[in-house]
Amino acid sequence: MAKNYFGRSHKERLSLLLWFRLARFYNQSIRLSNQHLKKWDLTIAQFDLLVQIGAHQPISQQELAEKLLVTKGNMTQMLAKVEKSGLIERKQEWRTKLISLTEKGEQLFEEIVPIQEQFQAAQFHSLTKDEQKQLLTLLKKLQKQKISKQN
């Protein structure tokens, strides 16, 4: 296989370029989304938390941590901050803490979700609907693969 000036094969370089492009898009998207959500005094993590609770309430703290891919410790901190803002409530049922949106949280959820959906859609406006579906399929495929360590 021919080597280019990076000392890598074309296939290896393509993989690196794909990774760089995905990382740059992700970082740009996160930065823009955080700026956008500042209007409501929310971070992306807090927005994701509200969306998951709003979609699955009442939800246990453990289920929520699994959906958000965070540790129990991080979950506790996130919930405490959002609870302090009056957006969620936690109720103890036996050994399980169930989390729901408060009325204030419901109002924010109803207001912000459509606006954030439009904001996110704008990041993909240069792709057709078919291209967006294809990208989603490819990203799901990548996410399912197991990445092995190469020594």
C-alpha atoms as a PDB file:
ATOM      1  CA  MET A   1       0.000   0.000   0.000  1.00  0.00           C
ATOM      2  CA  ALA A   2       1.401   3.415  -0.985  1.00  0.00           C
ATOM      3  CA  LYS A   3       2.503   5.755   1.788  1.00  0.00           C
ATOM      4  CA  ASN A   4       1.830   9.488   1.707  1.00  0.00           C
ATOM      5  CA  TYR A   5       3.815  12.273   3.366  1.00  0.00           C
ATOM      6  CA  PHE A   6       2.299  11.472   6.779  1.00  0.00           C
ATOM      7  CA  GLY A   7       3.913   8.041   6.601  1.00  0.00           C
ATOM      8  CA  ARG A   8       0.471   6.441   6.610  1.00  0.00           C
ATOM      9  CA  SER A   9      -1.428   4.570   3.956  1.00  0.00           C
ATOM     10  CA  HIS A  10      -4.287   6.350   2.183  1.00  0.00           C
ATOM     11  CA  LYS A  11      -6.796   4.213   4.109  1.00  0.00           C
ATOM     12  CA  GLU A  12      -5.219   5.074   7.479  1.00  0.00           C
ATOM     13  CA  ARG A  13      -5.118   8.773   6.592  1.00  0.00           C
ATOM     14  CA  LEU A  14      -8.770   8.726   5.493  1.00  0.00           C
ATOM     15  CA  SER A  15      -9.761   7.298   8.876  1.00  0.00           C
ATOM     16  CA  LEU A  16      -7.801  10.027  10.630  1.00  0.00           C
ATOM     17  CA  LEU A  17      -9.389  12.725   8.463  1.00  0.00           C
ATOM     18  CA  LEU A  18     -12.863  11.335   9.205  1.00  0.00           C
ATOM     19  CA  TRP A  19     -12.130  11.362  12.920  1.00  0.00           C
ATOM     20  CA  PHE A  20     -10.830  14.955  12.781  1.00  0.00           C
ATOM     21  CA  ARG A  21     -13.874  16.111  10.825  1.00  0.00           C
ATOM     22  CA  LEU A  22     -16.306  14.406  13.224  1.00  0.00           C
ATOM     23  CA  ALA A  23     -14.487  15.820  16.252  1.00  0.00           C
ATOM     24  CA  ARG A  24     -14.459  19.337  14.812  1.00  0.00           C
ATOM     25  CA  PHE A  25     -18.145  19.196  13.923  1.00  0.00           C
ATOM     26  CA  TYR A  26     -18.978  17.852  17.391  1.00  0.00           C
ATOM     27  CA  ASN A  27     -16.935  20.545  19.157  1.00  0.00           C
ATOM     28  CA  GLN A  28     -18.486  23.301  17.038  1.00  0.00           C
ATOM     29  CA  SER A  29     -21.976  21.929  17.643  1.00  0.00           C
ATOM     30  CA  ILE A  30     -21.426  21.728  21.410  1.00  0.00           C
ATOM     31  CA  ARG A  31     -20.063  25.273  21.540  1.00  0.00           C
ATOM     32  CA  LEU A  32     -22.965  26.703  19.509  1.00  0.00           C
ATOM     33  CA  SER A  33     -25.550  24.694  21.441  1.00  0.00           C
ATOM     34  CA  ASN A  34     -24.197  25.841  24.797  1.00  0.00           C
ATOM     35  CA  GLN A  35     -24.288  29.454  23.590  1.00  0.00           C
ATOM     36  CA  HIS A  36     -27.875  28.982  22.406  1.00  0.00           C
ATOM     37  CA  LEU A  37     -29.037  27.330  25.641  1.00  0.00           C
ATOM     38  CA  LYS A  38     -27.519  30.111  27.777  1.00  0.00           C
ATOM     39  CA  LYS A  39     -30.685  32.091  27.003  1.00  0.00           C
ATOM     40  CA  TRP A  40     -32.484  29.713  29.374  1.00  0.00           C
ATOM     41  CA  ASP A  41     -29.540  29.383  31.778  1.00  0.00           C
ATOM     42  CA  LEU A  42     -29.043  25.738  30.742  1.00  0.00           C
ATOM     43  CA  THR A  43     -26.101  23.641  29.609  1.00  0.00           C
ATOM     44  CA  ILE A  44     -26.390  20.862  27.040  1.00  0.00           C
ATOM     45  CA  ALA A  45     -26.181  18.295  29.832  1.00  0.00           C
ATOM     46  CA  GLN A  46     -29.035  19.970  31.711  1.00  0.00           C
ATOM     47  CA  PHE A  47     -31.105  20.227  28.525  1.00  0.00           C
ATOM     48  CA  ASP A  48     -30.530  16.523  27.822  1.00  0.00           C
ATOM     49  CA  LEU A  49     -31.532  15.753  31.407  1.00  0.00           C
ATOM     50  CA  LEU A  50     -34.791  17.708  31.047  1.00  0.00           C
ATOM     51  CA  VAL A  51     -35.593  16.056  27.717  1.00  0.00           C
ATOM     52  CA  GLN A  52     -35.033  12.556  29.096  1.00  0.00           C
ATOM     53  CA  ILE A  53     -37.116  13.260  32.201  1.00  0.00           C
ATOM     54  CA  GLY A  54     -39.855  14.923  30.136  1.00  0.00           C
ATOM     55  CA  ALA A  55     -39.995  11.983  27.743  1.00  0.00           C
ATOM     56  CA  HIS A  56     -39.885   9.188  30.352  1.00  0.00           C
ATOM     57  CA  GLN A  57     -41.311  10.625  33.578  1.00  0.00           C
ATOM     58  CA  PRO A  58     -41.488   9.470  36.188  1.00  0.00           C
ATOM     59  CA  ILE A  59     -38.053   7.923  35.730  1.00  0.00           C
ATOM     60  CA  SER A  60     -35.720   6.426  38.298  1.00  0.00           C
ATOM     61  CA  GLN A  61     -32.385   8.056  38.970  1.00  0.00           C
ATOM     62  CA  GLN A  62     -30.606   4.875  37.842  1.00  0.00           C
ATOM     63  CA  GLU A  63     -32.529   4.676  34.537  1.00  0.00           C
ATOM     64  CA  LEU A  64     -31.798   8.336  33.912  1.00  0.00           C
ATOM     65  CA  ALA A  65     -28.064   7.839  34.553  1.00  0.00           C
ATOM     66  CA  GLU A  66     -28.062   4.929  32.070  1.00  0.00           C
ATOM     67  CA  LYS A  67     -29.839   6.993  29.394  1.00  0.00           C
ATOM     68  CA  LEU A  68     -27.450   9.907  29.862  1.00  0.00           C
ATOM     69  CA  LEU A  69     -24.377   7.652  30.105  1.00  0.00           C
ATOM     70  CA  VAL A  70     -23.180   9.254  33.347  1.00  0.00           C
ATOM     71  CA  THR A  71     -22.091   7.878  36.703  1.00  0.00           C
ATOM     72  CA  LYS A  72     -24.388   7.858  39.713  1.00  0.00           C
ATOM     73  CA  GLY A  73     -22.218  10.550  41.320  1.00  0.00           C
ATOM     74  CA  ASN A  74     -22.466  12.844  38.303  1.00  0.00           C
ATOM     75  CA  MET A  75     -26.192  12.165  38.120  1.00  0.00           C
ATOM     76  CA  THR A  76     -26.673  13.213  41.742  1.00  0.00           C
ATOM     77  CA  GLN A  77     -24.806  16.493  41.134  1.00  0.00           C
ATOM     78  CA  MET A  78     -26.736  17.264  37.948  1.00  0.00           C
ATOM     79  CA  LEU A  79     -30.072  16.542  39.603  1.00  0.00           C
ATOM     80  CA  ALA A  80     -29.250  18.677  42.651  1.00  0.00           C
ATOM     81  CA  LYS A  81     -28.490  21.696  40.463  1.00  0.00           C
ATOM     82  CA  VAL A  82     -31.622  21.328  38.325  1.00  0.00           C
ATOM     83  CA  GLU A  83     -33.763  20.593  41.385  1.00  0.00           C
ATOM     84  CA  LYS A  84     -32.455  23.771  43.034  1.00  0.00           C
ATOM     85  CA  SER A  85     -33.723  25.730  39.986  1.00  0.00           C
ATOM     86  CA  GLY A  86     -37.184  24.278  40.620  1.00  0.00           C
ATOM     87  CA  LEU A  87     -37.359  22.355  37.334  1.00  0.00           C
ATOM     88  CA  ILE A  88     -37.566  18.810  38.728  1.00  0.00           C
ATOM     89  CA  GLU A  89     -38.720  16.981  41.822  1.00  0.00           C
ATOM     90  CA  ARG A  90     -37.473  13.729  43.302  1.00  0.00           C
ATOM     91  CA  LYS A  91     -39.779  11.420  45.214  1.00  0.00           C
ATOM     92  CA  GLN A  92     -38.623   8.412  47.173  1.00  0.00           C
ATOM     93  CA  GLU A  93     -40.666   5.255  46.497  1.00  0.00           C
ATOM     94  CA  TRP A  94     -39.287   2.365  48.481  1.00  0.00           C
ATOM     95  CA  ARG A  95     -35.630   2.164  47.443  1.00  0.00           C
ATOM     96  CA  THR A  96     -36.102   4.063  44.226  1.00  0.00           C
ATOM     97  CA  LYS A  97     -35.975   7.798  43.621  1.00  0.00           C
ATOM     98  CA  LEU A  98     -38.445   8.774  40.908  1.00  0.00           C
ATOM     99  CA  ILE A  99     -37.821  12.005  39.050  1.00  0.00           C
ATOM    100  CA  SER A 100     -40.414  14.174  37.321  1.00  0.00           C
ATOM    101  CA  LEU A 101     -40.604  17.677  35.934  1.00  0.00           C
ATOM    102  CA  THR A 102     -42.271  20.306  38.090  1.00  0.00           C
ATOM    103  CA  GLU A 103     -44.826  22.659  36.561  1.00  0.00           C
ATOM    104  CA  LYS A 104     -41.984  25.127  35.954  1.00  0.00           C
ATOM    105  CA  GLY A 105     -39.955  22.320  34.348  1.00  0.00           C
ATOM    106  CA  GLU A 106     -42.900  21.305  32.145  1.00  0.00           C
ATOM    107  CA  GLN A 107     -43.314  24.896  30.954  1.00  0.00           C
ATOM    108  CA  LEU A 108     -39.616  25.181  30.125  1.00  0.00           C
ATOM    109  CA  PHE A 109     -39.679  21.779  28.412  1.00  0.00           C
ATOM    110  CA  GLU A 110     -42.641  22.821  26.218  1.00  0.00           C
ATOM    111  CA  GLU A 111     -40.963  26.119  25.365  1.00  0.00           C
ATOM    112  CA  ILE A 112     -37.406  25.043  24.730  1.00  0.00           C
ATOM    113  CA  VAL A 113     -37.637  21.636  23.010  1.00  0.00           C
ATOM    114  CA  PRO A 114     -39.175  22.924  19.736  1.00  0.00           C
ATOM    115  CA  ILE A 115     -36.735  25.846  19.652  1.00  0.00           C
ATOM    116  CA  GLN A 116     -33.736  23.580  20.252  1.00  0.00           C
ATOM    117  CA  GLU A 117     -34.996  21.132  17.603  1.00  0.00           C
ATOM    118  CA  GLN A 118     -35.084  23.985  15.072  1.00  0.00           C
ATOM    119  CA  PHE A 119     -31.641  25.146  16.162  1.00  0.00           C
ATOM    120  CA  GLN A 120     -30.196  21.650  15.709  1.00  0.00           C
ATOM    121  CA  ALA A 121     -31.960  21.179  12.360  1.00  0.00           C
ATOM    122  CA  ALA A 122     -30.199  24.300  11.099  1.00  0.00           C
ATOM    123  CA  GLN A 123     -26.836  22.588  11.665  1.00  0.00           C
ATOM    124  CA  PHE A 124     -27.827  19.954   9.097  1.00  0.00           C
ATOM    125  CA  HIS A 125     -29.669  22.159   6.601  1.00  0.00           C
ATOM    126  CA  SER A 126     -27.022  21.635   3.917  1.00  0.00           C
ATOM    127  CA  LEU A 127     -27.928  17.917   3.827  1.00  0.00           C
ATOM    128  CA  THR A 128     -31.058  16.566   2.171  1.00  0.00           C
ATOM    129  CA  LYS A 129     -33.457  14.480   4.278  1.00  0.00           C
ATOM    130  CA  ASP A 130     -32.091  11.332   2.603  1.00  0.00           C
ATOM    131  CA  GLU A 131     -28.514  12.374   3.384  1.00  0.00           C
ATOM    132  CA  GLN A 132     -29.483  13.070   6.998  1.00  0.00           C
ATOM    133  CA  LYS A 133     -31.051   9.599   7.282  1.00  0.00           C
ATOM    134  CA  GLN A 134     -27.965   8.042   5.697  1.00  0.00           C
ATOM    135  CA  LEU A 135     -25.665   9.926   8.092  1.00  0.00           C
ATOM    136  CA  LEU A 136     -27.741   8.768  11.059  1.00  0.00           C
ATOM    137  CA  THR A 137     -27.550   5.159   9.856  1.00  0.00           C
ATOM    138  CA  LEU A 138     -23.769   5.378   9.405  1.00  0.00           C
ATOM    139  CA  LEU A 139     -23.240   6.973  12.825  1.00  0.00           C
ATOM    140  CA  LYS A 140     -25.368   4.278  14.484  1.00  0.00           C
ATOM    141  CA  LYS A 141     -23.291   1.639  12.711  1.00  0.00           C
ATOM    142  CA  LEU A 142     -20.062   3.228  13.952  1.00  0.00           C
ATOM    143  CA  GLN A 143     -21.394   3.508  17.486  1.00  0.00           C
ATOM    144  CA  LYS A 144     -22.292  -0.205  17.605  1.00  0.00           C
ATOM    145  CA  GLN A 145     -18.832  -1.417  16.619  1.00  0.00           C
ATOM    146  CA  LYS A 146     -16.366  -2.393  19.268  1.00  0.00           C
ATOM    147  CA  ILE A 147     -13.085  -0.544  19.019  1.00  0.00           C
ATOM    148  CA  SER A 148     -10.170  -2.809  19.845  1.00  0.00           C
ATOM    149  CA  LYS A 149      -6.833  -1.599  21.166  1.00  0.00           C
ATOM    150  CA  GLN A 150      -4.099  -1.840  18.584  1.00  0.00           C
ATOM    151  CA  ASN A 151      -0.585  -2.150  19.979  1.00  0.00           C
END
